[in-house]
Amino acid sequence: MRHRPGSVDSASTINVSAANAGFALGAFIVGTVAASRFGLGATPWVGAIMAGIGLLLTLWSGHLDKRQIRRGSILGSPRSIGSLTDRS
């Protein structure tokens, strides 16, 4: 949405699709672990590991966003930002 403000519908669709893919992948991984020699007792550990990976990816994404904001590549140049806020 940052690069194409008119594409809200596409961004929403991609977001829902990614969430559904994550649910399917999680169910597949936990099902595979439950059917393995580790058994059903290992599923909380797998869930904790998956949650940790998700947290790391979220922190990394936030770091990348902050880095882009510092560079000014998300919002554009300072001149274009000033022209959006000046209403005179």
PDB file of N, CA and C in Angstrom:
ATOM      1  N   MET A   1       0.807  -1.186   0.000  1.00  0.00           N
ATOM      2  CA  MET A   1       0.000   0.000   0.000  1.00  0.00           C
ATOM      3  C   MET A   1       0.856   1.258   0.000  1.00  0.00           C
ATOM      4  N   ARG A   2       2.080   1.145   0.443  1.00  0.00           N
ATOM      5  CA  ARG A   2       2.940   2.327   0.453  1.00  0.00           C
ATOM      6  C   ARG A   2       3.247   2.804  -0.955  1.00  0.00           C
ATOM      7  N   HIS A   3       3.401   1.860  -1.845  1.00  0.00           N
ATOM      8  CA  HIS A   3       3.836   2.218  -3.191  1.00  0.00           C
ATOM      9  C   HIS A   3       2.668   2.477  -4.134  1.00  0.00           C
ATOM     10  N   ARG A   4       1.532   1.879  -3.858  1.00  0.00           N
ATOM     11  CA  ARG A   4       0.338   2.076  -4.685  1.00  0.00           C
ATOM     12  C   ARG A   4      -0.857   2.251  -3.763  1.00  0.00           C
ATOM     13  N   PRO A   5      -1.156   3.472  -3.357  1.00  0.00           N
ATOM     14  CA  PRO A   5      -2.231   3.698  -2.388  1.00  0.00           C
ATOM     15  C   PRO A   5      -3.604   3.199  -2.839  1.00  0.00           C
ATOM     16  N   GLY A   6      -3.834   3.046  -4.118  1.00  0.00           N
ATOM     17  CA  GLY A   6      -5.131   2.602  -4.608  1.00  0.00           C
ATOM     18  C   GLY A   6      -5.313   1.095  -4.577  1.00  0.00           C
ATOM     19  N   SER A   7      -4.330   0.363  -4.101  1.00  0.00           N
ATOM     20  CA  SER A   7      -4.395  -1.096  -4.154  1.00  0.00           C
ATOM     21  C   SER A   7      -4.755  -1.710  -2.804  1.00  0.00           C
ATOM     22  N   VAL A   8      -5.696  -1.121  -2.098  1.00  0.00           N
ATOM     23  CA  VAL A   8      -6.091  -1.609  -0.779  1.00  0.00           C
ATOM     24  C   VAL A   8      -6.726  -2.990  -0.886  1.00  0.00           C
ATOM     25  N   ASP A   9      -7.541  -3.214  -1.912  1.00  0.00           N
ATOM     26  CA  ASP A   9      -8.194  -4.513  -2.069  1.00  0.00           C
ATOM     27  C   ASP A   9      -7.167  -5.620  -2.295  1.00  0.00           C
ATOM     28  N   SER A  10      -6.166  -5.358  -3.118  1.00  0.00           N
ATOM     29  CA  SER A  10      -5.133  -6.353  -3.379  1.00  0.00           C
ATOM     30  C   SER A  10      -4.326  -6.638  -2.120  1.00  0.00           C
ATOM     31  N   ALA A  11      -3.993  -5.596  -1.382  1.00  0.00           N
ATOM     32  CA  ALA A  11      -3.221  -5.782  -0.153  1.00  0.00           C
ATOM     33  C   ALA A  11      -4.016  -6.587   0.860  1.00  0.00           C
ATOM     34  N   SER A  12      -5.303  -6.339   0.965  1.00  0.00           N
ATOM     35  CA  SER A  12      -6.146  -7.091   1.892  1.00  0.00           C
ATOM     36  C   SER A  12      -6.227  -8.562   1.488  1.00  0.00           C
ATOM     37  N   THR A  13      -6.350  -8.816   0.204  1.00  0.00           N
ATOM     38  CA  THR A  13      -6.409 -10.185  -0.290  1.00  0.00           C
ATOM     39  C   THR A  13      -5.111 -10.923  -0.019  1.00  0.00           C
ATOM     40  N   ILE A  14      -3.985 -10.267  -0.260  1.00  0.00           N
ATOM     41  CA  ILE A  14      -2.686 -10.893  -0.010  1.00  0.00           C
ATOM     42  C   ILE A  14      -2.500 -11.165   1.477  1.00  0.00           C
ATOM     43  N   ASN A  15      -2.958 -10.257   2.325  1.00  0.00           N
ATOM     44  CA  ASN A  15      -2.840 -10.439   3.768  1.00  0.00           C
ATOM     45  C   ASN A  15      -3.627 -11.669   4.224  1.00  0.00           C
ATOM     46  N   VAL A  16      -4.863 -11.808   3.770  1.00  0.00           N
ATOM     47  CA  VAL A  16      -5.689 -12.949   4.153  1.00  0.00           C
ATOM     48  C   VAL A  16      -5.097 -14.241   3.593  1.00  0.00           C
ATOM     49  N   SER A  17      -4.603 -14.200   2.375  1.00  0.00           N
ATOM     50  CA  SER A  17      -4.008 -15.389   1.771  1.00  0.00           C
ATOM     51  C   SER A  17      -2.755 -15.821   2.528  1.00  0.00           C
ATOM     52  N   ALA A  18      -1.939 -14.866   2.935  1.00  0.00           N
ATOM     53  CA  ALA A  18      -0.736 -15.201   3.700  1.00  0.00           C
ATOM     54  C   ALA A  18      -1.096 -15.793   5.058  1.00  0.00           C
ATOM     55  N   ALA A  19      -2.126 -15.273   5.695  1.00  0.00           N
ATOM     56  CA  ALA A  19      -2.571 -15.831   6.978  1.00  0.00           C
ATOM     57  C   ALA A  19      -3.053 -17.269   6.797  1.00  0.00           C
ATOM     58  N   ASN A  20      -3.831 -17.525   5.758  1.00  0.00           N
ATOM     59  CA  ASN A  20      -4.311 -18.885   5.503  1.00  0.00           C
ATOM     60  C   ASN A  20      -3.160 -19.834   5.184  1.00  0.00           C
ATOM     61  N   ALA A  21      -2.173 -19.367   4.439  1.00  0.00           N
ATOM     62  CA  ALA A  21      -0.999 -20.195   4.150  1.00  0.00           C
ATOM     63  C   ALA A  21      -0.241 -20.504   5.440  1.00  0.00           C
ATOM     64  N   GLY A  22      -0.159 -19.531   6.342  1.00  0.00           N
ATOM     65  CA  GLY A  22       0.504 -19.761   7.628  1.00  0.00           C
ATOM     66  C   GLY A  22      -0.231 -20.785   8.468  1.00  0.00           C
ATOM     67  N   PHE A  23      -1.563 -20.715   8.476  1.00  0.00           N
ATOM     68  CA  PHE A  23      -2.348 -21.710   9.216  1.00  0.00           C
ATOM     69  C   PHE A  23      -2.122 -23.108   8.650  1.00  0.00           C
ATOM     70  N   ALA A  24      -2.131 -23.223   7.337  1.00  0.00           N
ATOM     71  CA  ALA A  24      -1.932 -24.523   6.703  1.00  0.00           C
ATOM     72  C   ALA A  24      -0.531 -25.063   6.975  1.00  0.00           C
ATOM     73  N   LEU A  25       0.473 -24.198   6.880  1.00  0.00           N
ATOM     74  CA  LEU A  25       1.843 -24.639   7.140  1.00  0.00           C
ATOM     75  C   LEU A  25       2.012 -25.067   8.593  1.00  0.00           C
ATOM     76  N   GLY A  26       1.435 -24.294   9.512  1.00  0.00           N
ATOM     77  CA  GLY A  26       1.515 -24.652  10.926  1.00  0.00           C
ATOM     78  C   GLY A  26       0.847 -25.982  11.216  1.00  0.00           C
ATOM     79  N   ALA A  27      -0.331 -26.193  10.643  1.00  0.00           N
ATOM     80  CA  ALA A  27      -1.037 -27.460  10.845  1.00  0.00           C
ATOM     81  C   ALA A  27      -0.245 -28.627  10.260  1.00  0.00           C
ATOM     82  N   PHE A  28       0.370 -28.408   9.114  1.00  0.00           N
ATOM     83  CA  PHE A  28       1.174 -29.458   8.492  1.00  0.00           C
ATOM     84  C   PHE A  28       2.385 -29.805   9.360  1.00  0.00           C
ATOM     85  N   ILE A  29       3.079 -28.787   9.844  1.00  0.00           N
ATOM     86  CA  ILE A  29       4.284 -29.029  10.658  1.00  0.00           C
ATOM     87  C   ILE A  29       3.922 -29.735  11.961  1.00  0.00           C
ATOM     88  N   VAL A  30       2.900 -29.244  12.639  1.00  0.00           N
ATOM     89  CA  VAL A  30       2.509 -29.861  13.910  1.00  0.00           C
ATOM     90  C   VAL A  30       1.975 -31.277  13.681  1.00  0.00           C
ATOM     91  N   GLY A  31       1.238 -31.493  12.612  1.00  0.00           N
ATOM     92  CA  GLY A  31       0.760 -32.839  12.298  1.00  0.00           C
ATOM     93  C   GLY A  31       1.899 -33.793  12.008  1.00  0.00           C
ATOM     94  N   THR A  32       2.901 -33.301  11.306  1.00  0.00           N
ATOM     95  CA  THR A  32       4.066 -34.125  11.010  1.00  0.00           C
ATOM     96  C   THR A  32       4.814 -34.480  12.296  1.00  0.00           C
ATOM     97  N   VAL A  33       4.963 -33.516  13.185  1.00  0.00           N
ATOM     98  CA  VAL A  33       5.641 -33.783  14.458  1.00  0.00           C
ATOM     99  C   VAL A  33       4.833 -34.746  15.312  1.00  0.00           C
ATOM    100  N   ALA A  34       3.520 -34.574  15.357  1.00  0.00           N
ATOM    101  CA  ALA A  34       2.672 -35.458  16.160  1.00  0.00           C
ATOM    102  C   ALA A  34       2.726 -36.891  15.650  1.00  0.00           C
ATOM    103  N   ALA A  35       2.864 -37.071  14.340  1.00  0.00           N
ATOM    104  CA  ALA A  35       2.925 -38.409  13.764  1.00  0.00           C
ATOM    105  C   ALA A  35       4.323 -39.011  13.833  1.00  0.00           C
ATOM    106  N   SER A  36       5.313 -38.220  14.196  1.00  0.00           N
ATOM    107  CA  SER A  36       6.684 -38.722  14.262  1.00  0.00           C
ATOM    108  C   SER A  36       6.922 -39.440  15.589  1.00  0.00           C
ATOM    109  N   ARG A  37       8.147 -39.844  15.800  1.00  0.00           N
ATOM    110  CA  ARG A  37       8.490 -40.545  17.042  1.00  0.00           C
ATOM    111  C   ARG A  37       8.412 -39.630  18.262  1.00  0.00           C
ATOM    112  N   PHE A  38       8.389 -38.307  18.046  1.00  0.00           N
ATOM    113  CA  PHE A  38       8.291 -37.371  19.172  1.00  0.00           C
ATOM    114  C   PHE A  38       6.896 -37.379  19.783  1.00  0.00           C
ATOM    115  N   GLY A  39       5.894 -37.610  18.977  1.00  0.00           N
ATOM    116  CA  GLY A  39       4.531 -37.747  19.453  1.00  0.00           C
ATOM    117  C   GLY A  39       3.837 -36.433  19.752  1.00  0.00           C
ATOM    118  N   LEU A  40       2.648 -36.568  20.306  1.00  0.00           N
ATOM    119  CA  LEU A  40       1.795 -35.417  20.572  1.00  0.00           C
ATOM    120  C   LEU A  40       2.381 -34.506  21.650  1.00  0.00           C
ATOM    121  N   GLY A  41       3.195 -35.045  22.530  1.00  0.00           N
ATOM    122  CA  GLY A  41       3.792 -34.251  23.603  1.00  0.00           C
ATOM    123  C   GLY A  41       4.781 -33.214  23.122  1.00  0.00           C
ATOM    124  N   ALA A  42       5.250 -33.335  21.901  1.00  0.00           N
ATOM    125  CA  ALA A  42       6.225 -32.380  21.367  1.00  0.00           C
ATOM    126  C   ALA A  42       5.559 -31.185  20.703  1.00  0.00           C
ATOM    127  N   THR A  43       4.243 -31.226  20.515  1.00  0.00           N
ATOM    128  CA  THR A  43       3.590 -30.131  19.794  1.00  0.00           C
ATOM    129  C   THR A  43       3.683 -28.786  20.516  1.00  0.00           C
ATOM    130  N   PRO A  44       3.640 -28.713  21.860  1.00  0.00           N
ATOM    131  CA  PRO A  44       3.831 -27.395  22.483  1.00  0.00           C
ATOM    132  C   PRO A  44       5.213 -26.804  22.205  1.00  0.00           C
ATOM    133  N   TRP A  45       6.216 -27.664  22.150  1.00  0.00           N
ATOM    134  CA  TRP A  45       7.567 -27.179  21.848  1.00  0.00           C
ATOM    135  C   TRP A  45       7.658 -26.661  20.423  1.00  0.00           C
ATOM    136  N   VAL A  46       7.027 -27.363  19.519  1.00  0.00           N
ATOM    137  CA  VAL A  46       7.018 -26.921  18.125  1.00  0.00           C
ATOM    138  C   VAL A  46       6.270 -25.590  18.008  1.00  0.00           C
ATOM    139  N   GLY A  47       5.153 -25.467  18.720  1.00  0.00           N
ATOM    140  CA  GLY A  47       4.409 -24.210  18.717  1.00  0.00           C
ATOM    141  C   GLY A  47       5.235 -23.056  19.266  1.00  0.00           C
ATOM    142  N   ALA A  48       5.982 -23.325  20.347  1.00  0.00           N
ATOM    143  CA  ALA A  48       6.840 -22.280  20.922  1.00  0.00           C
ATOM    144  C   ALA A  48       7.945 -21.879  19.952  1.00  0.00           C
ATOM    145  N   ILE A  49       8.514 -22.833  19.271  1.00  0.00           N
ATOM    146  CA  ILE A  49       9.561 -22.525  18.288  1.00  0.00           C
ATOM    147  C   ILE A  49       8.985 -21.710  17.133  1.00  0.00           C
ATOM    148  N   MET A  50       7.801 -22.093  16.664  1.00  0.00           N
ATOM    149  CA  MET A  50       7.166 -21.348  15.574  1.00  0.00           C
ATOM    150  C   MET A  50       6.810 -19.931  16.008  1.00  0.00           C
ATOM    151  N   ALA A  51       6.351 -19.765  17.242  1.00  0.00           N
ATOM    152  CA  ALA A  51       6.044 -18.424  17.744  1.00  0.00           C
ATOM    153  C   ALA A  51       7.321 -17.590  17.854  1.00  0.00           C
ATOM    154  N   GLY A  52       8.413 -18.206  18.279  1.00  0.00           N
ATOM    155  CA  GLY A  52       9.698 -17.503  18.346  1.00  0.00           C
ATOM    156  C   GLY A  52      10.182 -17.059  16.972  1.00  0.00           C
ATOM    157  N   ILE A  53      10.022 -17.925  15.986  1.00  0.00           N
ATOM    158  CA  ILE A  53      10.407 -17.562  14.615  1.00  0.00           C
ATOM    159  C   ILE A  53       9.540 -16.408  14.124  1.00  0.00           C
ATOM    160  N   GLY A  54       8.242 -16.456  14.426  1.00  0.00           N
ATOM    161  CA  GLY A  54       7.355 -15.359  14.040  1.00  0.00           C
ATOM    162  C   GLY A  54       7.746 -14.047  14.695  1.00  0.00           C
ATOM    163  N   LEU A  55       8.138 -14.105  15.972  1.00  0.00           N
ATOM    164  CA  LEU A  55       8.584 -12.901  16.671  1.00  0.00           C
ATOM    165  C   LEU A  55       9.848 -12.337  16.035  1.00  0.00           C
ATOM    166  N   LEU A  56      10.797 -13.218  15.707  1.00  0.00           N
ATOM    167  CA  LEU A  56      12.027 -12.752  15.061  1.00  0.00           C
ATOM    168  C   LEU A  56      11.742 -12.112  13.703  1.00  0.00           C
ATOM    169  N   LEU A  57      10.848 -12.706  12.934  1.00  0.00           N
ATOM    170  CA  LEU A  57      10.494 -12.125  11.634  1.00  0.00           C
ATOM    171  C   LEU A  57       9.807 -10.778  11.792  1.00  0.00           C
ATOM    172  N   THR A  58       8.967 -10.639  12.825  1.00  0.00           N
ATOM    173  CA  THR A  58       8.297  -9.362  13.078  1.00  0.00           C
ATOM    174  C   THR A  58       9.302  -8.282  13.458  1.00  0.00           C
ATOM    175  N   LEU A  59      10.239  -8.631  14.334  1.00  0.00           N
ATOM    176  CA  LEU A  59      11.273  -7.664  14.733  1.00  0.00           C
ATOM    177  C   LEU A  59      12.139  -7.270  13.538  1.00  0.00           C
ATOM    178  N   TRP A  60      12.471  -8.234  12.692  1.00  0.00           N
ATOM    179  CA  TRP A  60      13.287  -7.947  11.512  1.00  0.00           C
ATOM    180  C   TRP A  60      12.533  -7.030  10.551  1.00  0.00           C
ATOM    181  N   SER A  61      11.237  -7.291  10.360  1.00  0.00           N
ATOM    182  CA  SER A  61      10.428  -6.440   9.492  1.00  0.00           C
ATOM    183  C   SER A  61      10.365  -5.010  10.027  1.00  0.00           C
ATOM    184  N   GLY A  62      10.187  -4.866  11.337  1.00  0.00           N
ATOM    185  CA  GLY A  62      10.179  -3.534  11.941  1.00  0.00           C
ATOM    186  C   GLY A  62      11.502  -2.816  11.753  1.00  0.00           C
ATOM    187  N   HIS A  63      12.597  -3.557  11.870  1.00  0.00           N
ATOM    188  CA  HIS A  63      13.922  -2.969  11.656  1.00  0.00           C
ATOM    189  C   HIS A  63      14.071  -2.482  10.217  1.00  0.00           C
ATOM    190  N   LEU A  64      13.614  -3.289   9.272  1.00  0.00           N
ATOM    191  CA  LEU A  64      13.709  -2.890   7.863  1.00  0.00           C
ATOM    192  C   LEU A  64      12.852  -1.664   7.578  1.00  0.00           C
ATOM    193  N   ASP A  65      11.664  -1.589   8.184  1.00  0.00           N
ATOM    194  CA  ASP A  65      10.801  -0.423   7.992  1.00  0.00           C
ATOM    195  C   ASP A  65      11.447   0.837   8.556  1.00  0.00           C
ATOM    196  N   LYS A  66      12.026   0.726   9.749  1.00  0.00           N
ATOM    197  CA  LYS A  66      12.688   1.891  10.352  1.00  0.00           C
ATOM    198  C   LYS A  66      13.861   2.345   9.504  1.00  0.00           C
ATOM    199  N   ARG A  67      14.581   1.389   8.942  1.00  0.00           N
ATOM    200  CA  ARG A  67      15.721   1.733   8.098  1.00  0.00           C
ATOM    201  C   ARG A  67      15.268   2.457   6.831  1.00  0.00           C
ATOM    202  N   GLN A  68      14.151   2.028   6.254  1.00  0.00           N
ATOM    203  CA  GLN A  68      13.630   2.698   5.063  1.00  0.00           C
ATOM    204  C   GLN A  68      13.120   4.086   5.388  1.00  0.00           C
ATOM    205  N   ILE A  69      12.498   4.248   6.557  1.00  0.00           N
ATOM    206  CA  ILE A  69      12.009   5.568   6.953  1.00  0.00           C
ATOM    207  C   ILE A  69      13.179   6.525   7.147  1.00  0.00           C
ATOM    208  N   ARG A  70      14.259   6.037   7.779  1.00  0.00           N
ATOM    209  CA  ARG A  70      15.438   6.894   7.966  1.00  0.00           C
ATOM    210  C   ARG A  70      16.035   7.325   6.632  1.00  0.00           C
ATOM    211  N   ARG A  71      15.982   6.453   5.662  1.00  0.00           N
ATOM    212  CA  ARG A  71      16.506   6.797   4.336  1.00  0.00           C
ATOM    213  C   ARG A  71      15.542   7.688   3.555  1.00  0.00           C
ATOM    214  N   GLY A  72      14.286   7.710   3.971  1.00  0.00           N
ATOM    215  CA  GLY A  72      13.289   8.516   3.289  1.00  0.00           C
ATOM    216  C   GLY A  72      12.687   7.842   2.081  1.00  0.00           C
ATOM    217  N   SER A  73      12.917   6.540   1.909  1.00  0.00           N
ATOM    218  CA  SER A  73      12.437   5.881   0.699  1.00  0.00           C
ATOM    219  C   SER A  73      10.954   5.536   0.771  1.00  0.00           C
ATOM    220  N   ILE A  74      10.350   5.527   1.952  1.00  0.00           N
ATOM    221  CA  ILE A  74       8.924   5.207   2.030  1.00  0.00           C
ATOM    222  C   ILE A  74       8.081   6.435   1.718  1.00  0.00           C
ATOM    223  N   LEU A  75       8.420   7.532   2.322  1.00  0.00           N
ATOM    224  CA  LEU A  75       7.583   8.716   2.199  1.00  0.00           C
ATOM    225  C   LEU A  75       7.992   9.638   1.059  1.00  0.00           C
ATOM    226  N   GLY A  76       9.090   9.397   0.459  1.00  0.00           N
ATOM    227  CA  GLY A  76       9.549  10.262  -0.614  1.00  0.00           C
ATOM    228  C   GLY A  76      10.514  11.312  -0.098  1.00  0.00           C
ATOM    229  N   SER A  77      10.829  12.250  -0.942  1.00  0.00           N
ATOM    230  CA  SER A  77      11.784  13.281  -0.557  1.00  0.00           C
ATOM    231  C   SER A  77      11.129  14.286   0.380  1.00  0.00           C
ATOM    232  N   PRO A  78      11.920  15.008   1.179  1.00  0.00           N
ATOM    233  CA  PRO A  78      11.348  16.000   2.085  1.00  0.00           C
ATOM    234  C   PRO A  78      10.550  17.079   1.358  1.00  0.00           C
ATOM    235  N   ARG A  79      10.923  17.408   0.151  1.00  0.00           N
ATOM    236  CA  ARG A  79      10.203  18.433  -0.593  1.00  0.00           C
ATOM    237  C   ARG A  79       8.784  17.960  -0.907  1.00  0.00           C
ATOM    238  N   SER A  80       8.626  16.676  -1.299  1.00  0.00           N
ATOM    239  CA  SER A  80       7.285  16.186  -1.618  1.00  0.00           C
ATOM    240  C   SER A  80       6.437  16.054  -0.363  1.00  0.00           C
ATOM    241  N   ILE A  81       7.046  15.759   0.779  1.00  0.00           N
ATOM    242  CA  ILE A  81       6.301  15.680   2.011  1.00  0.00           C
ATOM    243  C   ILE A  81       5.794  17.068   2.408  1.00  0.00           C
ATOM    244  N   GLY A  82       6.645  18.062   2.274  1.00  0.00           N
ATOM    245  CA  GLY A  82       6.236  19.427   2.611  1.00  0.00           C
ATOM    246  C   GLY A  82       5.107  19.910   1.731  1.00  0.00           C
ATOM    247  N   SER A  83       5.108  19.504   0.483  1.00  0.00           N
ATOM    248  CA  SER A  83       4.037  19.970  -0.405  1.00  0.00           C
ATOM    249  C   SER A  83       2.713  19.311  -0.051  1.00  0.00           C
ATOM    250  N   LEU A  84       2.749  18.153   0.583  1.00  0.00           N
ATOM    251  CA  LEU A  84       1.496  17.507   0.999  1.00  0.00           C
ATOM    252  C   LEU A  84       0.920  18.159   2.256  1.00  0.00           C
ATOM    253  N   THR A  85       1.791  18.680   3.117  1.00  0.00           N
ATOM    254  CA  THR A  85       1.311  19.231   4.369  1.00  0.00           C
ATOM    255  C   THR A  85       0.989  20.724   4.267  1.00  0.00           C
ATOM    256  N   ASP A  86       1.530  21.413   3.278  1.00  0.00           N
ATOM    257  CA  ASP A  86       1.250  22.849   3.115  1.00  0.00           C
ATOM    258  C   ASP A  86      -0.094  23.025   2.423  1.00  0.00           C
ATOM    259  N   ARG A  87      -1.006  23.705   3.074  1.00  0.00           N
ATOM    260  CA  ARG A  87      -2.347  23.898   2.527  1.00  0.00           C
ATOM    261  C   ARG A  87      -2.591  25.362   2.197  1.00  0.00           C
ATOM    262  N   SER A  88      -1.546  26.154   2.019  1.00  0.00           N
ATOM    263  CA  SER A  88      -1.731  27.593   1.759  1.00  0.00           C
ATOM    264  C   SER A  88      -1.923  27.907   0.303  1.00  0.00           C
TER     265      SER A  88
END
